[in-house]
């Protein structure tokens, strides 16, 4: 069942009631850890109490969310932490580990979620010792998995669900229990997440982590064998040199483009050589400890992955590189996940439910079900119960330049200023790129100062998303400038958010390696990639952004979409017909009149 249910329909309760009454084992997978916590802590207990059913519930996250006793002890003994903050945070985590029942780092509120010490005190699939660990009996991850096996309802997130699918494919012990029903909430995220897990990737971060762990293991289990830390140091240098061979972060490069870049190909070959040397050195010492044995297995697996990526032997995979601030990731992504995902669904006799507020294009689910290979499923759509014609206004300003022109962002900011003034702040200004977001923020700072406006101006990146949202809500008249992070999963009810402005229709950049390869494949088959693939994806993304505005029956607000293609292009009608049925205007005077009708906040 593929079920689209607009904001305010109560879709969470709609799937929870039959799930809790079914008497079977249910796995609920959500888009984010925040939604996981909300389901586990609020929604499921509410429905369970109302139904008076004795259902047991477990929350299961990826292993990196739980404190690891082994790595905590190792970090404490190592004593070489990069900063004073890390030393302070480590002491707090140590105290937390002694009193917590779950080990869930989300409960350790005294240590920031982005603290640099967390990777040192949690495990990964690569560096977990499993049943060989001396702390196995009190392991928080194993405790959480045991509870999940015994519970009637297990709440996970999409990343964990697909990690489990891949483990089953490799005949490794699964993370999740067998079940009768799988429910995907925020199911619009599945194609992206599934592509990530059904593909392969290896990063310089994994190489650096391996080098670090080898040095630590060598210091405790092979002090008399200096060749080991030497080989680890050589790999670390090669991994860092590999990152430095690439230009600025935030870029995605097709593998074919690397062939002409000698510095990169040489750095990649050197990293492979150093990884092979480390694996061979580890092999000679692996019998000396479980930790060294595991490091050897990791090195051998990474060597195979990196070599496989360089060989380019699978025509069904798109090979590409993503460059981050401190690392490089080498990816191989399936051209299509439909066949792989269909096999998962057909292999297991159970009910599958996919739900989100944004799965269709004007009521048509064809794009979504084709992408996941679930064409045989039922589809249904329920509109939001809100009175959008009264509660919302869709405003498309006139006379804006083509979105590809250099002065477009400046024109968007100029068009947004009278709307921000009419709404007295209380706005999300969302941009489809970080570059445009930064440019707009600078222009807005100048304009606010020039006009003497005192609306607090917040920008994505000056704090975590959670912190920024808390500040935005509490201030009551703030303007938040953001990009992709604020397009979905953000719930601001009431007067604090009265404008959502979107600068451009969110078409994915056509030079994205995976998108470009998929477009080429669809067009080569004689189909229209723009209408079948690019446009539906943009519509679903735009619906997510627009969905930030009206969150309950008393909200009022203006959705401002600046892109002139919404009016000038033939496909524009298909896009705005997919949006909530708000009153439409192209006159800024209607925006001023809309806000003049609401009571002025005291």
Protein backbone atom coordinates (compact mmCIF):
# COMPACT_ATOMS: atom_id res chain seq x y z
CA UNK A 1 0.00 0.00 0.00
CA UNK A 2 1.38 3.39 -1.05
CA UNK A 3 -0.53 6.03 0.91
CA UNK A 4 -0.13 9.77 0.48
CA UNK A 5 -1.75 11.70 3.33
CA UNK A 6 -1.50 15.47 3.55
CA UNK A 7 -0.48 17.43 6.65
CA UNK A 8 -3.10 17.18 9.39
CA UNK A 9 -4.74 13.93 8.26
CA UNK A 10 -3.31 12.08 11.26
CA UNK A 11 -1.49 9.48 9.19
CA UNK A 12 0.66 8.40 12.14
CA UNK A 13 -2.44 7.37 14.12
CA UNK A 14 -3.97 5.92 10.93
CA UNK A 15 -1.19 3.35 10.59
CA UNK A 16 -0.56 2.86 14.33
CA UNK A 17 -4.10 1.80 15.22
CA UNK A 18 -4.26 -1.25 12.87
CA UNK A 19 -0.58 -2.01 13.54
CA UNK A 20 -1.10 -2.22 17.32
CA UNK A 21 -4.37 -4.16 16.95
CA UNK A 22 -2.99 -6.66 14.39
CA UNK A 23 -1.37 -8.90 17.00
CA UNK A 24 1.64 -9.39 14.73
CA UNK A 25 5.22 -8.18 14.80
CA UNK A 26 5.59 -4.70 13.27
CA UNK A 27 8.64 -2.71 12.18
CA UNK A 28 8.10 1.03 11.73
CA UNK A 29 10.85 2.85 9.84
CA UNK A 30 11.07 6.65 9.87
CA UNK A 31 13.14 9.24 8.04
CA UNK A 32 15.10 10.63 10.98
CA UNK A 33 16.17 9.84 14.55
CA UNK A 34 14.05 12.82 15.71
CA UNK A 35 10.92 11.20 14.27
CA UNK A 36 11.97 7.88 15.80
CA UNK A 37 12.12 9.48 19.25
CA UNK A 38 8.75 11.20 18.68
CA UNK A 39 7.08 7.92 17.68
CA UNK A 40 8.59 5.96 20.54
CA UNK A 41 8.18 8.60 23.23
CA UNK A 42 4.86 10.21 22.31
CA UNK A 43 2.75 8.79 19.47
CA UNK A 44 2.87 5.04 20.18
CA UNK A 45 2.26 5.42 23.96
CA UNK A 46 -0.73 7.70 23.19
CA UNK A 47 -2.35 5.20 20.80
CA UNK A 48 -1.47 2.19 22.97
CA UNK A 49 -3.09 3.80 26.03
CA UNK A 50 -6.20 4.76 24.05
CA UNK A 51 -6.60 1.23 22.67
CA UNK A 52 -5.64 -0.40 26.00
CA UNK A 53 -3.54 -3.06 24.24
CA UNK A 54 -0.56 -4.72 26.01
CA UNK A 55 1.90 -4.03 23.18
CA UNK A 56 5.64 -3.93 23.89
CA UNK A 57 7.71 -1.39 21.96
CA UNK A 58 11.46 -1.10 21.33
CA UNK A 59 13.55 1.69 19.84
CA UNK A 60 16.56 0.62 17.80
CA UNK A 61 19.15 2.95 16.27
CA UNK A 62 22.43 2.39 14.45
CA UNK A 63 25.37 1.33 16.62
CA UNK A 64 27.01 4.78 16.37
CA UNK A 65 24.18 6.10 18.57
CA UNK A 66 25.19 3.98 21.58
CA UNK A 67 28.16 4.43 23.89
CA UNK A 68 30.61 1.54 23.47
CA UNK A 69 32.27 0.35 26.71
CA UNK A 70 35.32 -0.95 24.83
CA UNK A 71 35.98 2.25 22.88
CA UNK A 72 35.18 4.45 25.90
CA UNK A 73 37.78 2.54 27.92
CA UNK A 74 40.29 2.72 25.08
CA UNK A 75 39.80 6.49 24.64
CA UNK A 76 40.26 6.96 28.39
CA UNK A 77 43.43 4.84 28.48
CA UNK A 78 44.87 6.44 25.34
CA UNK A 79 44.68 9.87 26.96
CA UNK A 80 45.51 11.73 23.72
CA UNK A 81 42.42 13.82 23.00
CA UNK A 82 42.64 16.73 20.53
CA UNK A 83 41.00 19.47 22.67
CA UNK A 84 40.18 20.40 26.27
CA UNK A 85 36.49 20.20 25.38
CA UNK A 86 37.01 16.57 24.36
CA UNK A 87 38.58 15.81 27.74
CA UNK A 88 35.60 17.39 29.53
CA UNK A 89 33.09 15.64 27.26
CA UNK A 90 34.81 12.26 27.77
CA UNK A 91 34.45 12.59 31.55
CA UNK A 92 30.73 13.38 31.16
CA UNK A 93 30.19 10.42 28.82
CA UNK A 94 32.00 8.16 31.29
CA UNK A 95 29.63 9.30 34.08
CA UNK A 96 26.64 8.88 31.75
CA UNK A 97 27.70 5.32 30.82
CA UNK A 98 27.68 4.33 34.50
CA UNK A 99 24.05 5.39 35.10
CA UNK A 100 22.26 5.02 31.76
CA UNK A 101 20.01 2.04 31.04
CA UNK A 102 20.12 2.49 27.23
CA UNK A 103 23.52 4.04 26.40
CA UNK A 104 21.70 6.17 23.80
CA UNK A 105 23.84 9.27 23.18
CA UNK A 106 20.66 11.33 22.61
CA UNK A 107 20.05 10.99 26.37
CA UNK A 108 23.50 12.39 27.19
CA UNK A 109 22.33 15.99 26.86
CA UNK A 110 25.42 17.52 28.50
CA UNK A 111 27.56 16.59 25.47
CA UNK A 112 26.71 18.27 22.11
CA UNK A 113 25.58 15.92 19.34
CA UNK A 114 28.43 17.17 17.11
CA UNK A 115 31.17 16.83 19.77
CA UNK A 116 34.40 15.47 18.30
CA UNK A 117 34.73 12.84 21.03
CA UNK A 118 31.65 10.81 20.00
CA UNK A 119 33.37 8.77 17.23
CA UNK A 120 36.02 7.75 19.79
CA UNK A 121 33.48 6.32 22.27
CA UNK A 122 31.04 4.63 19.87
CA UNK A 123 31.58 1.67 17.55
CA UNK A 124 31.06 1.10 13.85
CA UNK A 125 30.37 -2.12 12.00
CA UNK A 126 34.05 -2.06 11.02
CA UNK A 127 35.57 -1.77 14.51
CA UNK A 128 33.07 -3.63 16.72
CA UNK A 129 34.65 -6.71 18.31
CA UNK A 130 31.29 -8.49 18.58
CA UNK A 131 31.16 -11.55 20.82
CA UNK A 132 34.96 -11.36 21.28
CA UNK A 133 34.59 -8.11 23.23
CA UNK A 134 35.21 -8.32 27.00
CA UNK A 135 32.20 -5.99 27.52
CA UNK A 136 29.86 -8.05 25.33
CA UNK A 137 27.53 -9.01 28.20
CA UNK A 138 26.75 -5.38 29.06
CA UNK A 139 26.91 -3.97 25.51
CA UNK A 140 24.24 -1.31 24.95
CA UNK A 141 23.87 -2.22 21.25
CA UNK A 142 23.28 -5.89 22.04
CA UNK A 143 20.83 -4.95 24.80
CA UNK A 144 18.85 -2.77 22.36
CA UNK A 145 18.83 -5.55 19.75
CA UNK A 146 17.66 -8.10 22.33
CA UNK A 147 14.77 -5.80 23.30
CA UNK A 148 13.93 -5.38 19.60
CA UNK A 149 13.79 -9.15 19.08
CA UNK A 150 11.38 -9.50 21.99
CA UNK A 151 9.13 -6.47 21.28
CA UNK A 152 5.85 -6.42 19.33
CA UNK A 153 6.67 -3.10 17.65
CA UNK A 154 10.19 -1.96 16.72
CA UNK A 155 10.90 1.64 15.71
CA UNK A 156 13.94 2.10 13.43
CA UNK A 157 15.07 4.61 10.80
CA UNK A 158 15.52 4.06 7.07
CA UNK A 159 19.31 3.87 7.27
CA UNK A 160 19.15 1.07 9.84
CA UNK A 161 16.46 -0.77 7.89
CA UNK A 162 18.57 -0.87 4.73
CA UNK A 163 21.74 -1.65 6.64
CA UNK A 164 19.88 -4.73 7.87
CA UNK A 165 18.78 -5.61 4.32
CA UNK A 166 22.39 -5.50 3.14
CA UNK A 167 23.57 -7.69 6.04
CA UNK A 168 20.96 -10.30 5.10
CA UNK A 169 22.21 -10.16 1.49
CA UNK A 170 25.72 -10.92 2.76
CA UNK A 171 24.37 -13.77 4.97
CA UNK A 172 25.47 -11.94 8.11
CA UNK A 173 23.37 -12.08 11.29
CA UNK A 174 20.58 -9.54 10.86
CA UNK A 175 19.91 -6.55 13.10
CA UNK A 176 16.12 -6.62 12.88
CA UNK A 177 13.68 -9.37 13.82
CA UNK A 178 11.41 -11.16 11.37
CA UNK A 179 8.04 -9.39 11.21
CA UNK A 180 4.54 -9.46 9.72
CA UNK A 181 4.39 -5.80 8.72
CA UNK A 182 6.81 -3.08 7.64
CA UNK A 183 5.60 0.53 7.71
CA UNK A 184 7.74 3.27 6.13
CA UNK A 185 6.87 6.77 7.36
CA UNK A 186 8.42 9.68 5.42
CA UNK A 187 8.59 7.14 2.59
CA UNK A 188 9.49 9.81 -0.01
CA UNK A 189 13.09 9.46 1.27
CA UNK A 190 13.34 5.75 0.43
CA UNK A 191 14.67 5.92 -3.17
CA UNK A 192 17.61 8.07 -2.04
CA UNK A 193 18.39 5.95 1.04
CA UNK A 194 18.00 2.66 -0.83
CA UNK A 195 20.36 3.88 -3.59
CA UNK A 196 22.95 4.64 -0.93
CA UNK A 197 22.78 1.17 0.63
CA UNK A 198 22.31 -0.90 -2.53
CA UNK A 199 25.48 0.70 -3.87
CA UNK A 200 29.01 0.65 -2.44
CA UNK A 201 31.21 3.33 -0.96
CA UNK A 202 34.60 3.72 0.66
CA UNK A 203 36.02 6.93 2.11
CA UNK A 204 39.32 8.37 3.26
CA UNK A 205 37.72 8.67 6.73
CA UNK A 206 37.54 4.86 6.90
CA UNK A 207 41.23 4.67 5.99
CA UNK A 208 42.15 7.22 8.66
CA UNK A 209 40.05 5.40 11.28
CA UNK A 210 41.75 2.12 10.36
CA UNK A 211 45.22 3.70 10.68
CA UNK A 212 44.31 5.14 14.09
CA UNK A 213 42.92 1.84 15.37
CA UNK A 214 45.96 -0.10 14.13
CA UNK A 215 48.30 2.24 16.02
CA UNK A 216 46.27 1.79 19.24
CA UNK A 217 46.13 -2.00 18.87
CA UNK A 218 49.85 -2.14 18.02
CA UNK A 219 50.69 -0.17 21.18
CA UNK A 220 48.89 -2.74 23.35
CA UNK A 221 49.36 -6.04 21.50
CA UNK A 222 52.47 -5.70 19.28
CA UNK A 223 54.89 -3.26 20.93
CA UNK A 224 57.83 -5.30 19.67
CA UNK A 225 56.79 -4.94 16.00
CA UNK A 226 57.53 -1.32 14.88
CA UNK A 227 56.62 -2.09 11.24
CA UNK A 228 52.93 -1.97 12.17
CA UNK A 229 52.66 1.69 13.30
CA UNK A 230 54.99 2.63 10.42
CA UNK A 231 52.57 1.04 7.91
CA UNK A 232 49.61 2.70 9.66
CA UNK A 233 51.28 6.11 9.47
CA UNK A 234 52.02 5.58 5.78
CA UNK A 235 48.34 4.83 5.10
CA UNK A 236 47.28 7.91 7.08
CA UNK A 237 49.58 10.16 5.04
CA UNK A 238 48.37 8.59 1.76
CA UNK A 239 44.71 9.09 2.78
CA UNK A 240 45.33 12.76 3.67
CA UNK A 241 47.26 13.31 0.42
CA UNK A 242 44.35 11.75 -1.48
CA UNK A 243 41.93 14.30 0.00
CA UNK A 244 44.36 17.15 -0.78
CA UNK A 245 44.52 16.02 -4.43
CA UNK A 246 40.93 17.22 -4.84
CA UNK A 247 39.79 20.83 -5.00
CA UNK A 248 37.09 22.48 -2.89
CA UNK A 249 34.56 20.48 -0.89
CA UNK A 250 30.91 20.12 -1.79
CA UNK A 251 31.52 18.74 -5.28
CA UNK A 252 30.41 15.52 -6.97
CA UNK A 253 32.60 14.23 -9.77
CA UNK A 254 31.96 11.33 -12.19
CA UNK A 255 34.73 8.73 -12.15
CA UNK A 256 35.30 9.24 -15.89
CA UNK A 257 36.40 12.85 -15.20
CA UNK A 258 39.25 11.65 -12.95
CA UNK A 259 41.16 9.91 -15.75
CA UNK A 260 42.54 13.22 -17.00
CA UNK A 261 43.63 14.34 -13.52
CA UNK A 262 47.03 12.78 -12.98
CA UNK A 263 47.48 14.08 -9.41
CA UNK A 264 44.28 12.32 -8.29
CA UNK A 265 44.93 9.01 -10.07
CA UNK A 266 48.46 8.87 -8.62
CA UNK A 267 47.20 9.70 -5.09
CA UNK A 268 44.49 7.02 -5.38
CA UNK A 269 47.03 4.43 -6.57
CA UNK A 270 49.33 5.36 -3.67
CA UNK A 271 46.49 4.97 -1.13
CA UNK A 272 45.71 1.53 -2.57
CA UNK A 273 49.38 0.52 -2.33
CA UNK A 274 49.70 1.70 1.28
CA UNK A 275 46.44 -0.06 2.20
CA UNK A 276 47.75 -3.31 0.66
CA UNK A 277 51.04 -2.97 2.56
CA UNK A 278 49.16 -2.40 5.84
CA UNK A 279 46.90 -5.42 5.20
CA UNK A 280 49.93 -7.64 4.54
CA UNK A 281 51.73 -6.35 7.65
CA UNK A 282 48.61 -6.92 9.76
CA UNK A 283 48.23 -10.44 8.40
CA UNK A 284 51.56 -11.42 9.94
CA UNK A 285 50.47 -10.15 13.39
CA UNK A 286 46.71 -10.81 13.39
CA UNK A 287 46.93 -13.91 15.62
CA UNK A 288 48.29 -11.85 18.52
CA UNK A 289 44.94 -10.28 19.51
CA UNK A 290 41.28 -10.09 18.53
CA UNK A 291 41.77 -6.37 17.87
CA UNK A 292 44.61 -6.95 15.38
CA UNK A 293 42.67 -9.75 13.70
CA UNK A 294 39.74 -7.43 13.24
CA UNK A 295 41.98 -4.63 11.90
CA UNK A 296 43.38 -7.10 9.34
CA UNK A 297 39.85 -8.07 8.23
CA UNK A 298 38.92 -4.38 7.87
CA UNK A 299 42.06 -3.60 5.87
CA UNK A 300 41.46 -6.58 3.58
CA UNK A 301 37.81 -5.59 3.00
CA UNK A 302 38.68 -1.94 2.31
CA UNK A 303 41.43 -3.04 -0.09
CA UNK A 304 38.87 -5.09 -2.03
CA UNK A 305 36.35 -2.24 -2.10
CA UNK A 306 38.82 0.39 -3.28
CA UNK A 307 40.32 -1.93 -5.90
CA UNK A 308 36.81 -2.83 -7.11
CA UNK A 309 35.94 0.84 -7.45
CA UNK A 310 39.06 1.50 -9.56
CA UNK A 311 38.38 -1.45 -11.89
CA UNK A 312 34.94 -0.24 -13.11
CA UNK A 313 33.62 -3.70 -14.00
CA UNK A 314 29.84 -3.26 -13.51
CA UNK A 315 27.88 -1.37 -16.18
CA UNK A 316 24.82 -1.14 -13.89
CA UNK A 317 26.71 0.98 -11.36
CA UNK A 318 27.49 4.70 -11.63
CA UNK A 319 30.94 5.42 -10.19
CA UNK A 320 31.45 8.87 -8.74
CA UNK A 321 33.30 10.81 -6.05
CA UNK A 322 31.94 13.18 -3.42
CA UNK A 323 34.38 15.67 -1.90
CA UNK A 324 33.72 16.79 1.67
CA UNK A 325 35.58 19.33 3.79
CA UNK A 326 37.89 16.74 5.37
CA UNK A 327 37.32 13.57 3.35
CA UNK A 328 36.62 12.04 -0.05
CA UNK A 329 34.09 9.27 -0.65
CA UNK A 330 34.28 6.90 -3.62
CA UNK A 331 30.78 5.71 -4.52
CA UNK A 332 29.23 3.18 -6.87
CA UNK A 333 25.45 3.69 -7.10
CA UNK A 334 22.95 1.47 -9.00
CA UNK A 335 21.45 3.05 -12.12
CA UNK A 336 18.12 1.67 -10.93
CA UNK A 337 17.08 0.23 -7.57
CA UNK A 338 13.67 -1.02 -8.78
CA UNK A 339 14.70 -4.64 -9.40
CA UNK A 340 16.73 -4.90 -6.17
CA UNK A 341 13.96 -3.43 -4.03
CA UNK A 342 11.23 -5.50 -5.73
CA UNK A 343 13.14 -8.67 -4.81
CA UNK A 344 13.21 -7.58 -1.15
CA UNK A 345 9.44 -7.07 -1.13
CA UNK A 346 8.62 -10.28 -2.98
CA UNK A 347 11.04 -12.42 -0.95
CA UNK A 348 9.18 -11.90 2.31
CA UNK A 349 5.50 -12.61 2.85
CA UNK A 350 4.42 -9.57 4.83
CA UNK A 351 2.44 -6.36 4.56
CA UNK A 352 4.39 -3.34 3.27
CA UNK A 353 3.03 0.17 3.87
CA UNK A 354 4.65 3.29 2.38
CA UNK A 355 3.32 6.64 3.59
CA UNK A 356 4.23 10.32 3.37
CA UNK A 357 2.60 13.67 2.69
CA UNK A 358 4.47 13.79 -0.65
CA UNK A 359 4.52 10.71 -2.89
CA UNK A 360 2.50 11.69 -5.96
CA UNK A 361 2.52 14.29 -8.71
CA UNK A 362 -1.02 15.70 -8.87
CA UNK A 363 -2.38 12.38 -7.58
CA UNK A 364 -0.25 10.23 -9.92
CA UNK A 365 2.03 7.72 -8.12
CA UNK A 366 3.65 6.33 -11.28
CA UNK A 367 7.07 7.89 -10.69
CA UNK A 368 7.33 6.67 -7.09
CA UNK A 369 6.16 3.08 -7.60
CA UNK A 370 8.30 2.67 -10.74
CA UNK A 371 11.40 3.93 -8.94
CA UNK A 372 10.96 1.34 -6.16
CA UNK A 373 9.68 -1.45 -8.41
CA UNK A 374 6.39 -1.78 -6.47
CA UNK A 375 3.96 -1.23 -9.37
CA UNK A 376 1.64 -3.99 -8.12
CA UNK A 377 0.87 -2.17 -4.86
CA UNK A 378 -2.34 -0.33 -4.04
CA UNK A 379 -2.14 3.47 -4.07
CA UNK A 380 -4.39 5.99 -2.33
CA UNK A 381 -4.30 9.69 -1.52
CA UNK A 382 -5.98 11.69 1.24
CA UNK A 383 -5.93 15.48 1.03
CA UNK A 384 -5.16 17.63 4.04
CA UNK A 385 -8.28 18.68 5.99
CA UNK A 386 -7.01 22.27 6.24
CA UNK A 387 -8.86 25.08 4.45
CA UNK A 388 -5.94 26.15 2.29
CA UNK A 389 -7.99 28.65 0.26
CA UNK A 390 -8.53 30.68 3.45
CA UNK A 391 -5.41 29.77 5.42
CA UNK A 392 -2.82 30.17 2.65
CA UNK A 393 -1.81 32.38 -0.24
CA UNK A 394 0.45 31.22 -3.08
CA UNK A 395 2.39 34.22 -4.37
CA UNK A 396 4.52 34.12 -7.53
CA UNK A 397 6.15 37.54 -8.04
CA UNK A 398 6.26 39.16 -11.47
CA UNK A 399 9.21 40.34 -13.56
CA UNK A 400 11.90 38.11 -12.04
CA UNK A 401 14.81 37.20 -14.37
CA UNK A 402 15.62 33.71 -15.60
CA UNK A 403 16.83 31.53 -12.67
CA UNK A 404 20.15 30.88 -14.42
CA UNK A 405 21.17 34.56 -14.60
CA UNK A 406 23.91 35.82 -12.24
CA UNK A 407 21.70 38.48 -10.62
CA UNK A 408 18.84 36.07 -9.85
CA UNK A 409 19.45 35.74 -6.08
CA UNK A 410 19.63 39.53 -5.69
CA UNK A 411 16.29 39.82 -7.52
CA UNK A 412 14.76 37.15 -5.25
CA UNK A 413 15.89 39.02 -2.12
CA UNK A 414 14.47 42.28 -3.50
CA UNK A 415 11.13 40.58 -4.19
CA UNK A 416 11.10 38.99 -0.71
CA UNK A 417 11.69 42.22 1.26
CA UNK A 418 8.13 43.65 0.97
CA UNK A 419 6.76 40.22 1.96
CA UNK A 420 9.02 40.05 5.03
CA UNK A 421 7.91 43.59 5.94
CA UNK A 422 4.22 42.69 5.55
CA UNK A 423 4.63 39.54 7.67
CA UNK A 424 6.73 41.37 10.30
CA UNK A 425 9.51 38.80 9.96
CA UNK A 426 8.28 35.27 10.81
CA UNK A 427 9.73 33.79 7.63
CA UNK A 428 11.68 30.86 6.24
CA UNK A 429 13.64 31.92 3.14
CA UNK A 430 14.70 28.63 1.53
CA UNK A 431 17.29 28.29 -1.23
CA UNK A 432 18.16 25.39 -3.51
CA UNK A 433 21.92 25.87 -3.11
CA UNK A 434 24.29 26.83 -0.30
CA UNK A 435 25.92 29.44 -2.52
CA UNK A 436 22.60 31.24 -3.10
CA UNK A 437 21.75 30.93 0.61
CA UNK A 438 25.03 32.62 1.63
CA UNK A 439 24.65 35.37 -0.97
CA UNK A 440 21.08 36.04 0.12
CA UNK A 441 22.07 36.16 3.79
CA UNK A 442 24.69 38.83 3.06
CA UNK A 443 22.23 40.91 1.03
CA UNK A 444 19.55 40.61 3.73
CA UNK A 445 21.99 41.72 6.45
CA UNK A 446 22.72 44.88 4.45
CA UNK A 447 19.04 45.56 3.70
CA UNK A 448 17.87 45.00 7.29
CA UNK A 449 20.53 47.42 8.52
CA UNK A 450 19.72 50.00 5.83
CA UNK A 451 15.97 49.85 6.62
CA UNK A 452 16.44 49.76 10.39
CA UNK A 453 14.60 46.46 10.74
CA UNK A 454 15.13 44.60 13.99
CA UNK A 455 13.84 41.18 12.86
CA UNK A 456 16.42 38.63 14.09
CA UNK A 457 18.21 37.16 11.06
CA UNK A 458 19.25 33.51 11.46
CA UNK A 459 21.19 31.45 8.94
CA UNK A 460 21.72 27.71 8.56
CA UNK A 461 25.13 26.68 9.88
CA UNK A 462 25.42 29.08 12.81
CA UNK A 463 24.12 26.34 15.09
CA UNK A 464 22.55 22.88 14.86
CA UNK A 465 19.16 22.62 13.18
CA UNK A 466 17.53 21.91 16.55
CA UNK A 467 19.11 25.01 18.16
CA UNK A 468 18.13 27.26 15.26
CA UNK A 469 14.53 26.04 15.33
CA UNK A 470 14.29 26.60 19.08
CA UNK A 471 15.59 30.16 18.65
CA UNK A 472 13.27 30.77 15.70
CA UNK A 473 10.20 29.63 17.68
CA UNK A 474 11.10 31.54 20.85
CA UNK A 475 11.96 34.82 19.07
CA UNK A 476 8.58 34.95 17.36
CA UNK A 477 9.56 37.41 14.58
CA UNK A 478 12.77 35.92 13.17
CA UNK A 479 13.78 35.40 9.54
CA UNK A 480 15.64 32.13 8.93
CA UNK A 481 17.72 31.71 5.78
CA UNK A 482 18.27 28.04 4.99
CA UNK A 483 18.75 25.40 2.33
CA UNK A 484 18.04 21.66 2.14
CA UNK A 485 18.17 21.07 5.93
CA UNK A 486 14.97 23.08 6.42
CA UNK A 487 12.99 21.75 3.46
CA UNK A 488 11.55 18.78 5.33
CA UNK A 489 11.02 17.32 8.79
CA UNK A 490 10.60 20.79 10.31
CA UNK A 491 7.42 21.53 12.27
CA UNK A 492 6.84 25.15 13.37
CA UNK A 493 3.21 25.72 14.34
CA UNK A 494 1.52 29.01 15.15
CA UNK A 495 2.40 32.62 14.35
CA UNK A 496 6.21 32.26 14.46
CA UNK A 497 6.24 30.99 10.84
CA UNK A 498 3.97 32.87 8.45
CA UNK A 499 6.02 32.95 5.22
CA UNK A 500 7.86 30.22 3.36
CA UNK A 501 9.78 31.57 0.38
CA UNK A 502 11.43 29.20 -2.12
CA UNK A 503 13.91 30.70 -4.57
CA UNK A 504 13.81 28.12 -7.38
CA UNK A 505 12.01 24.97 -8.43
CA UNK A 506 14.19 22.28 -6.82
CA UNK A 507 15.44 20.45 -9.88
CA UNK A 508 18.51 18.41 -9.01
CA UNK A 509 21.64 19.77 -10.73
CA UNK A 510 21.89 18.05 -14.14
CA UNK A 511 25.66 17.60 -13.72
CA UNK A 512 25.14 15.35 -10.67
CA UNK A 513 26.87 12.09 -11.78
CA UNK A 514 24.08 9.71 -10.70
CA UNK A 515 21.30 11.89 -12.10
CA UNK A 516 23.17 12.41 -15.38
CA UNK A 517 23.66 8.66 -15.81
CA UNK A 518 20.01 7.89 -15.02
CA UNK A 519 18.82 10.60 -17.45
CA UNK A 520 21.06 9.19 -20.19
CA UNK A 521 19.72 5.66 -19.59
CA UNK A 522 16.05 6.75 -19.71
CA UNK A 523 16.57 8.84 -22.85
CA UNK A 524 18.54 6.01 -24.51
CA UNK A 525 15.48 3.80 -24.02
CA UNK A 526 13.40 6.30 -26.03
CA UNK A 527 11.61 7.73 -23.00
CA UNK A 528 11.44 11.32 -21.73
CA UNK A 529 13.72 11.62 -18.69
CA UNK A 530 12.59 15.15 -17.87
CA UNK A 531 8.88 14.30 -17.63
CA UNK A 532 9.35 10.81 -16.15
CA UNK A 533 12.15 11.45 -13.68
CA UNK A 534 13.38 15.02 -13.19
CA UNK A 535 10.01 16.77 -12.99
CA UNK A 536 8.36 14.31 -10.55
CA UNK A 537 11.38 14.47 -8.23
CA UNK A 538 11.27 18.28 -8.28
CA UNK A 539 7.52 18.28 -7.56
CA UNK A 540 7.88 15.94 -4.56
CA UNK A 541 10.74 18.06 -3.20
CA UNK A 542 8.79 21.31 -3.70
CA UNK A 543 5.77 19.82 -1.91
CA UNK A 544 8.04 19.03 1.05
CA UNK A 545 9.28 22.64 1.19
CA UNK A 546 5.76 24.04 0.83
CA UNK A 547 4.58 21.70 3.58
CA UNK A 548 6.54 23.68 6.21
CA UNK A 549 3.95 26.49 6.10
CA UNK A 550 0.51 25.30 7.24
CA UNK A 551 0.97 22.81 10.08
CA UNK A 552 -2.45 22.93 11.82
CA UNK A 553 -5.99 24.24 11.35
CA UNK A 554 -5.26 27.66 12.84
CA UNK A 555 -2.05 28.45 10.90
CA UNK A 556 -2.10 31.17 8.23
CA UNK A 557 0.64 32.07 5.81
CA UNK A 558 2.06 32.94 2.41
CA UNK A 559 3.93 30.48 0.21
CA UNK A 560 6.16 32.52 -2.10
CA UNK A 561 7.69 30.68 -5.05
CA UNK A 562 9.98 32.98 -7.00
CA UNK A 563 10.77 30.84 -10.03
CA UNK A 564 9.10 32.37 -13.16
CA UNK A 565 9.09 28.91 -14.82
CA UNK A 566 6.09 28.06 -12.63
CA UNK A 567 4.10 30.39 -14.94
CA UNK A 568 6.10 30.54 -18.17
CA UNK A 569 6.69 26.82 -18.82
CA UNK A 570 4.05 24.33 -19.93
CA UNK A 571 5.01 21.98 -17.07
CA UNK A 572 4.43 24.76 -14.50
CA UNK A 573 0.71 23.98 -14.28
CA UNK A 574 1.48 20.36 -13.43
CA UNK A 575 3.67 21.61 -10.58
CA UNK A 576 1.31 24.10 -8.94
CA UNK A 577 -1.64 21.75 -9.28
CA UNK A 578 0.32 19.34 -7.07
CA UNK A 579 0.60 21.96 -4.31
CA UNK A 580 -2.06 22.57 -1.63
CA UNK A 581 -5.05 24.46 -3.15
CA UNK A 582 -4.19 27.93 -1.84
CA UNK A 583 -5.57 31.16 -3.24
CA UNK A 584 -3.12 32.28 -5.96
CA UNK A 585 -1.80 35.75 -6.72
CA UNK A 586 0.99 37.57 -8.55
CA UNK A 587 0.36 40.92 -6.84
CA UNK A 588 2.35 41.82 -3.71
CA UNK A 589 -0.57 44.04 -2.61
CA UNK A 590 -2.58 40.86 -2.00
CA UNK A 591 0.19 39.65 0.33
CA UNK A 592 0.03 42.92 2.31
CA UNK A 593 -3.77 42.65 2.50
CA UNK A 594 -3.54 39.00 3.62
CA UNK A 595 -1.38 39.92 6.61
CA UNK A 596 -3.46 43.03 7.37
CA UNK A 597 -6.39 40.69 8.09
CA UNK A 598 -4.68 38.92 10.99
CA UNK A 599 -4.64 40.28 14.55
CA UNK A 600 -1.42 42.04 15.46
CA UNK A 601 0.47 39.93 18.06
CA UNK A 602 0.64 41.54 21.51
